[in-house]
Amino acid sequence: MTASFADAARRAARVAAALLGWRPDEFWAATPEDLRTALGLDDASDDAPATGAMLSRLMEAFPDDRQ
């Protein structure tokens, strides 16, 4: 099933809040390119693997909730 725009926007807003500290007004004022740049996704190293620090931040921001 394809995610709706609302679902994708909600996920992107959570990532922006967790990793960048953006509040909702900052997220909605940003362009997609602003978000890519802020997340460090704008350089030529798009194929570079995630760093341990990045994975740790993501795991903390989005816990698995499995016991």
PDB file of N, CA and C in Angstrom:
ATOM      1  N   MET A   1       0.837  -1.179   0.000  1.00  0.00           N
ATOM      2  CA  MET A   1       0.000   0.000   0.000  1.00  0.00           C
ATOM      3  C   MET A   1       0.884   1.246   0.000  1.00  0.00           C
ATOM      4  N   THR A   2       0.545   2.210  -0.800  1.00  0.00           N
ATOM      5  CA  THR A   2       1.292   3.450  -0.894  1.00  0.00           C
ATOM      6  C   THR A   2       0.869   4.397   0.225  1.00  0.00           C
ATOM      7  N   ALA A   3       1.845   5.004   0.865  1.00  0.00           N
ATOM      8  CA  ALA A   3       1.552   5.948   1.942  1.00  0.00           C
ATOM      9  C   ALA A   3       0.942   7.220   1.367  1.00  0.00           C
ATOM     10  N   SER A   4       0.014   7.786   2.093  1.00  0.00           N
ATOM     11  CA  SER A   4      -0.587   9.045   1.667  1.00  0.00           C
ATOM     12  C   SER A   4       0.381  10.194   1.950  1.00  0.00           C
ATOM     13  N   PHE A   5       0.087  11.347   1.372  1.00  0.00           N
ATOM     14  CA  PHE A   5       0.909  12.525   1.643  1.00  0.00           C
ATOM     15  C   PHE A   5       0.927  12.818   3.135  1.00  0.00           C
ATOM     16  N   ALA A   6      -0.246  12.711   3.775  1.00  0.00           N
ATOM     17  CA  ALA A   6      -0.326  13.001   5.212  1.00  0.00           C
ATOM     18  C   ALA A   6       0.575  12.068   6.013  1.00  0.00           C
ATOM     19  N   ASP A   7       0.591  10.774   5.656  1.00  0.00           N
ATOM     20  CA  ASP A   7       1.450   9.811   6.355  1.00  0.00           C
ATOM     21  C   ASP A   7       2.924  10.161   6.158  1.00  0.00           C
ATOM     22  N   ALA A   8       3.292  10.459   4.917  1.00  0.00           N
ATOM     23  CA  ALA A   8       4.688  10.801   4.621  1.00  0.00           C
ATOM     24  C   ALA A   8       5.095  12.098   5.318  1.00  0.00           C
ATOM     25  N   ALA A   9       4.208  13.090   5.324  1.00  0.00           N
ATOM     26  CA  ALA A   9       4.512  14.362   5.985  1.00  0.00           C
ATOM     27  C   ALA A   9       4.660  14.169   7.487  1.00  0.00           C
ATOM     28  N   ARG A  10       3.809  13.340   8.073  1.00  0.00           N
ATOM     29  CA  ARG A  10       3.882  13.068   9.512  1.00  0.00           C
ATOM     30  C   ARG A  10       5.218  12.418   9.864  1.00  0.00           C
ATOM     31  N   ARG A  11       5.650  11.445   9.055  1.00  0.00           N
ATOM     32  CA  ARG A  11       6.941  10.787   9.297  1.00  0.00           C
ATOM     33  C   ARG A  11       8.090  11.780   9.141  1.00  0.00           C
ATOM     34  N   ALA A  12       8.037  12.592   8.094  1.00  0.00           N
ATOM     35  CA  ALA A  12       9.099  13.577   7.871  1.00  0.00           C
ATOM     36  C   ALA A  12       9.146  14.600   9.003  1.00  0.00           C
ATOM     37  N   ALA A  13       7.994  15.010   9.495  1.00  0.00           N
ATOM     38  CA  ALA A  13       7.952  15.969  10.606  1.00  0.00           C
ATOM     39  C   ALA A  13       8.540  15.360  11.873  1.00  0.00           C
ATOM     40  N   ARG A  14       8.265  14.067  12.116  1.00  0.00           N
ATOM     41  CA  ARG A  14       8.844  13.399  13.291  1.00  0.00           C
ATOM     42  C   ARG A  14      10.362  13.333  13.180  1.00  0.00           C
ATOM     43  N   VAL A  15      10.860  13.018  11.997  1.00  0.00           N
ATOM     44  CA  VAL A  15      12.314  12.959  11.793  1.00  0.00           C
ATOM     45  C   VAL A  15      12.927  14.347  12.000  1.00  0.00           C
ATOM     46  N   ALA A  16      12.304  15.372  11.426  1.00  0.00           N
ATOM     47  CA  ALA A  16      12.823  16.735  11.579  1.00  0.00           C
ATOM     48  C   ALA A  16      12.823  17.157  13.043  1.00  0.00           C
ATOM     49  N   ALA A  17      11.795  16.773  13.777  1.00  0.00           N
ATOM     50  CA  ALA A  17      11.731  17.121  15.202  1.00  0.00           C
ATOM     51  C   ALA A  17      12.789  16.368  15.993  1.00  0.00           C
ATOM     52  N   ALA A  18      12.908  15.061  15.727  1.00  0.00           N
ATOM     53  CA  ALA A  18      13.831  14.224  16.505  1.00  0.00           C
ATOM     54  C   ALA A  18      15.296  14.524  16.202  1.00  0.00           C
ATOM     55  N   LEU A  19      15.630  14.673  14.943  1.00  0.00           N
ATOM     56  CA  LEU A  19      17.036  14.824  14.568  1.00  0.00           C
ATOM     57  C   LEU A  19      17.502  16.273  14.468  1.00  0.00           C
ATOM     58  N   LEU A  20      16.574  17.179  14.161  1.00  0.00           N
ATOM     59  CA  LEU A  20      16.965  18.570  13.950  1.00  0.00           C
ATOM     60  C   LEU A  20      16.420  19.512  15.014  1.00  0.00           C
ATOM     61  N   GLY A  21      15.477  19.036  15.814  1.00  0.00           N
ATOM     62  CA  GLY A  21      14.869  19.889  16.823  1.00  0.00           C
ATOM     63  C   GLY A  21      13.875  20.890  16.254  1.00  0.00           C
ATOM     64  N   TRP A  22      13.414  20.639  15.018  1.00  0.00           N
ATOM     65  CA  TRP A  22      12.480  21.563  14.383  1.00  0.00           C
ATOM     66  C   TRP A  22      11.111  21.480  15.032  1.00  0.00           C
ATOM     67  N   ARG A  23      10.497  22.639  15.240  1.00  0.00           N
ATOM     68  CA  ARG A  23       9.105  22.719  15.678  1.00  0.00           C
ATOM     69  C   ARG A  23       8.220  22.650  14.428  1.00  0.00           C
ATOM     70  N   PRO A  24       6.921  22.382  14.592  1.00  0.00           N
ATOM     71  CA  PRO A  24       6.044  22.259  13.421  1.00  0.00           C
ATOM     72  C   PRO A  24       6.104  23.448  12.469  1.00  0.00           C
ATOM     73  N   ASP A  25       6.137  24.668  13.002  1.00  0.00           N
ATOM     74  CA  ASP A  25       6.169  25.830  12.106  1.00  0.00           C
ATOM     75  C   ASP A  25       7.450  25.874  11.281  1.00  0.00           C
ATOM     76  N   GLU A  26       8.555  25.419  11.849  1.00  0.00           N
ATOM     77  CA  GLU A  26       9.819  25.377  11.102  1.00  0.00           C
ATOM     78  C   GLU A  26       9.761  24.304  10.017  1.00  0.00           C
ATOM     79  N   PHE A  27       9.169  23.163  10.351  1.00  0.00           N
ATOM     80  CA  PHE A  27       9.046  22.092   9.367  1.00  0.00           C
ATOM     81  C   PHE A  27       8.197  22.548   8.177  1.00  0.00           C
ATOM     82  N   TRP A  28       7.026  23.128   8.451  1.00  0.00           N
ATOM     83  CA  TRP A  28       6.115  23.504   7.367  1.00  0.00           C
ATOM     84  C   TRP A  28       6.613  24.702   6.575  1.00  0.00           C
ATOM     85  N   ALA A  29       7.504  25.511   7.142  1.00  0.00           N
ATOM     86  CA  ALA A  29       8.072  26.641   6.406  1.00  0.00           C
ATOM     87  C   ALA A  29       9.223  26.203   5.497  1.00  0.00           C
ATOM     88  N   ALA A  30       9.770  25.029   5.744  1.00  0.00           N
ATOM     89  CA  ALA A  30      10.922  24.536   4.979  1.00  0.00           C
ATOM     90  C   ALA A  30      10.480  23.903   3.663  1.00  0.00           C
ATOM     91  N   THR A  31      11.363  23.981   2.687  1.00  0.00           N
ATOM     92  CA  THR A  31      11.135  23.272   1.427  1.00  0.00           C
ATOM     93  C   THR A  31      11.711  21.862   1.553  1.00  0.00           C
ATOM     94  N   PRO A  32      11.330  20.957   0.656  1.00  0.00           N
ATOM     95  CA  PRO A  32      11.960  19.634   0.683  1.00  0.00           C
ATOM     96  C   PRO A  32      13.486  19.720   0.577  1.00  0.00           C
ATOM     97  N   GLU A  33      13.982  20.659  -0.207  1.00  0.00           N
ATOM     98  CA  GLU A  33      15.436  20.829  -0.335  1.00  0.00           C
ATOM     99  C   GLU A  33      16.049  21.309   0.979  1.00  0.00           C
ATOM    100  N   ASP A  34      15.343  22.185   1.705  1.00  0.00           N
ATOM    101  CA  ASP A  34      15.819  22.618   3.029  1.00  0.00           C
ATOM    102  C   ASP A  34      15.981  21.414   3.949  1.00  0.00           C
ATOM    103  N   LEU A  35      14.998  20.533   3.942  1.00  0.00           N
ATOM    104  CA  LEU A  35      15.037  19.348   4.801  1.00  0.00           C
ATOM    105  C   LEU A  35      16.189  18.432   4.408  1.00  0.00           C
ATOM    106  N   ARG A  36      16.358  18.204   3.105  1.00  0.00           N
ATOM    107  CA  ARG A  36      17.469  17.364   2.637  1.00  0.00           C
ATOM    108  C   ARG A  36      18.815  17.947   3.073  1.00  0.00           C
ATOM    109  N   THR A  37      18.978  19.249   2.912  1.00  0.00           N
ATOM    110  CA  THR A  37      20.233  19.897   3.288  1.00  0.00           C
ATOM    111  C   THR A  37      20.471  19.799   4.791  1.00  0.00           C
ATOM    112  N   ALA A  38      19.439  20.080   5.581  1.00  0.00           N
ATOM    113  CA  ALA A  38      19.577  20.035   7.036  1.00  0.00           C
ATOM    114  C   ALA A  38      19.913  18.635   7.533  1.00  0.00           C
ATOM    115  N   LEU A  39      19.403  17.620   6.850  1.00  0.00           N
ATOM    116  CA  LEU A  39      19.684  16.234   7.231  1.00  0.00           C
ATOM    117  C   LEU A  39      20.996  15.720   6.639  1.00  0.00           C
ATOM    118  N   GLY A  40      21.670  16.570   5.847  1.00  0.00           N
ATOM    119  CA  GLY A  40      22.948  16.169   5.260  1.00  0.00           C
ATOM    120  C   GLY A  40      22.794  15.220   4.095  1.00  0.00           C
ATOM    121  N   LEU A  41      21.658  15.297   3.414  1.00  0.00           N
ATOM    122  CA  LEU A  41      21.398  14.385   2.302  1.00  0.00           C
ATOM    123  C   LEU A  41      21.644  15.034   0.946  1.00  0.00           C
ATOM    124  N   ASP A  42      22.229  16.217   0.940  1.00  0.00           N
ATOM    125  CA  ASP A  42      22.391  16.947  -0.309  1.00  0.00           C
ATOM    126  C   ASP A  42      23.746  16.761  -0.979  1.00  0.00           C
ATOM    127  N   ASP A  43      24.680  16.074  -0.328  1.00  0.00           N
ATOM    128  CA  ASP A  43      26.005  15.962  -0.939  1.00  0.00           C
ATOM    129  C   ASP A  43      26.105  14.715  -1.818  1.00  0.00           C
ATOM    130  N   ALA A  44      27.237  14.540  -2.437  1.00  0.00           N
ATOM    131  CA  ALA A  44      27.432  13.445  -3.389  1.00  0.00           C
ATOM    132  C   ALA A  44      27.597  12.096  -2.711  1.00  0.00           C
ATOM    133  N   SER A  45      27.636  12.063  -1.400  1.00  0.00           N
ATOM    134  CA  SER A  45      27.849  10.794  -0.702  1.00  0.00           C
ATOM    135  C   SER A  45      26.532  10.118  -0.328  1.00  0.00           C
ATOM    136  N   ASP A  46      25.534  10.235  -1.195  1.00  0.00           N
ATOM    137  CA  ASP A  46      24.233   9.620  -0.919  1.00  0.00           C
ATOM    138  C   ASP A  46      24.340   8.115  -0.732  1.00  0.00           C
ATOM    139  N   ASP A  47      25.367   7.501  -1.288  1.00  0.00           N
ATOM    140  CA  ASP A  47      25.526   6.055  -1.168  1.00  0.00           C
ATOM    141  C   ASP A  47      26.314   5.654   0.078  1.00  0.00           C
ATOM    142  N   ALA A  48      26.750   6.624   0.845  1.00  0.00           N
ATOM    143  CA  ALA A  48      27.528   6.318   2.044  1.00  0.00           C
ATOM    144  C   ALA A  48      26.640   5.639   3.086  1.00  0.00           C
ATOM    145  N   PRO A  49      27.179   4.653   3.781  1.00  0.00           N
ATOM    146  CA  PRO A  49      26.375   3.974   4.808  1.00  0.00           C
ATOM    147  C   PRO A  49      26.110   4.893   5.996  1.00  0.00           C
ATOM    148  N   ALA A  50      25.061   4.577   6.720  1.00  0.00           N
ATOM    149  CA  ALA A  50      24.734   5.341   7.926  1.00  0.00           C
ATOM    150  C   ALA A  50      25.840   5.151   8.956  1.00  0.00           C
ATOM    151  N   THR A  51      26.115   6.190   9.696  1.00  0.00           N
ATOM    152  CA  THR A  51      27.121   6.096  10.754  1.00  0.00           C
ATOM    153  C   THR A  51      26.487   5.518  12.010  1.00  0.00           C
ATOM    154  N   GLY A  52      27.312   5.049  12.907  1.00  0.00           N
ATOM    155  CA  GLY A  52      26.814   4.530  14.177  1.00  0.00           C
ATOM    156  C   GLY A  52      26.064   5.592  14.959  1.00  0.00           C
ATOM    157  N   ALA A  53      26.572   6.821  14.929  1.00  0.00           N
ATOM    158  CA  ALA A  53      25.910   7.919  15.641  1.00  0.00           C
ATOM    159  C   ALA A  53      24.525   8.187  15.062  1.00  0.00           C
ATOM    160  N   MET A  54      24.421   8.149  13.731  1.00  0.00           N
ATOM    161  CA  MET A  54      23.130   8.369  13.088  1.00  0.00           C
ATOM    162  C   MET A  54      22.147   7.264  13.472  1.00  0.00           C
ATOM    163  N   LEU A  55      22.609   6.027  13.439  1.00  0.00           N
ATOM    164  CA  LEU A  55      21.736   4.909  13.806  1.00  0.00           C
ATOM    165  C   LEU A  55      21.303   5.006  15.264  1.00  0.00           C
ATOM    166  N   SER A  56      22.204   5.402  16.137  1.00  0.00           N
ATOM    167  CA  SER A  56      21.858   5.559  17.555  1.00  0.00           C
ATOM    168  C   SER A  56      20.787   6.623  17.746  1.00  0.00           C
ATOM    169  N   ARG A  57      20.938   7.767  17.045  1.00  0.00           N
ATOM    170  CA  ARG A  57      19.930   8.831  17.150  1.00  0.00           C
ATOM    171  C   ARG A  57      18.577   8.347  16.642  1.00  0.00           C
ATOM    172  N   LEU A  58      18.573   7.622  15.533  1.00  0.00           N
ATOM    173  CA  LEU A  58      17.316   7.108  14.989  1.00  0.00           C
ATOM    174  C   LEU A  58      16.679   6.087  15.921  1.00  0.00           C
ATOM    175  N   MET A  59      17.497   5.190  16.499  1.00  0.00           N
ATOM    176  CA  MET A  59      16.962   4.178  17.410  1.00  0.00           C
ATOM    177  C   MET A  59      16.384   4.827  18.665  1.00  0.00           C
ATOM    178  N   GLU A  60      17.015   5.893  19.130  1.00  0.00           N
ATOM    179  CA  GLU A  60      16.506   6.596  20.305  1.00  0.00           C
ATOM    180  C   GLU A  60      15.214   7.345  19.972  1.00  0.00           C
ATOM    181  N   ALA A  61      15.176   7.965  18.797  1.00  0.00           N
ATOM    182  CA  ALA A  61      14.002   8.742  18.404  1.00  0.00           C
ATOM    183  C   ALA A  61      12.810   7.862  18.054  1.00  0.00           C
ATOM    184  N   PHE A  62      13.084   6.679  17.517  1.00  0.00           N
ATOM    185  CA  PHE A  62      12.016   5.788  17.067  1.00  0.00           C
ATOM    186  C   PHE A  62      12.229   4.395  17.649  1.00  0.00           C
ATOM    187  N   PRO A  63      11.970   4.226  18.959  1.00  0.00           N
ATOM    188  CA  PRO A  63      12.199   2.920  19.589  1.00  0.00           C
ATOM    189  C   PRO A  63      11.299   1.848  18.990  1.00  0.00           C
ATOM    190  N   ASP A  64      11.809   0.634  19.018  1.00  0.00           N
ATOM    191  CA  ASP A  64      11.112  -0.502  18.423  1.00  0.00           C
ATOM    192  C   ASP A  64       9.917  -0.958  19.253  1.00  0.00           C
ATOM    193  N   ASP A  65       9.920  -0.700  20.547  1.00  0.00           N
ATOM    194  CA  ASP A  65       8.845  -1.086  21.469  1.00  0.00           C
ATOM    195  C   ASP A  65       8.680  -2.590  21.620  1.00  0.00           C
ATOM    196  N   ARG A  66       9.615  -3.366  21.118  1.00  0.00           N
ATOM    197  CA  ARG A  66       9.557  -4.819  21.316  1.00  0.00           C
ATOM    198  C   ARG A  66      10.199  -5.155  22.647  1.00  0.00           C
ATOM    199  N   GLN A  67       9.612  -6.075  23.358  1.00  0.00           N
ATOM    200  CA  GLN A  67      10.141  -6.499  24.664  1.00  0.00           C
ATOM    201  C   GLN A  67      11.030  -7.701  24.518  1.00  0.00           C
TER     202      GLN A  67
END
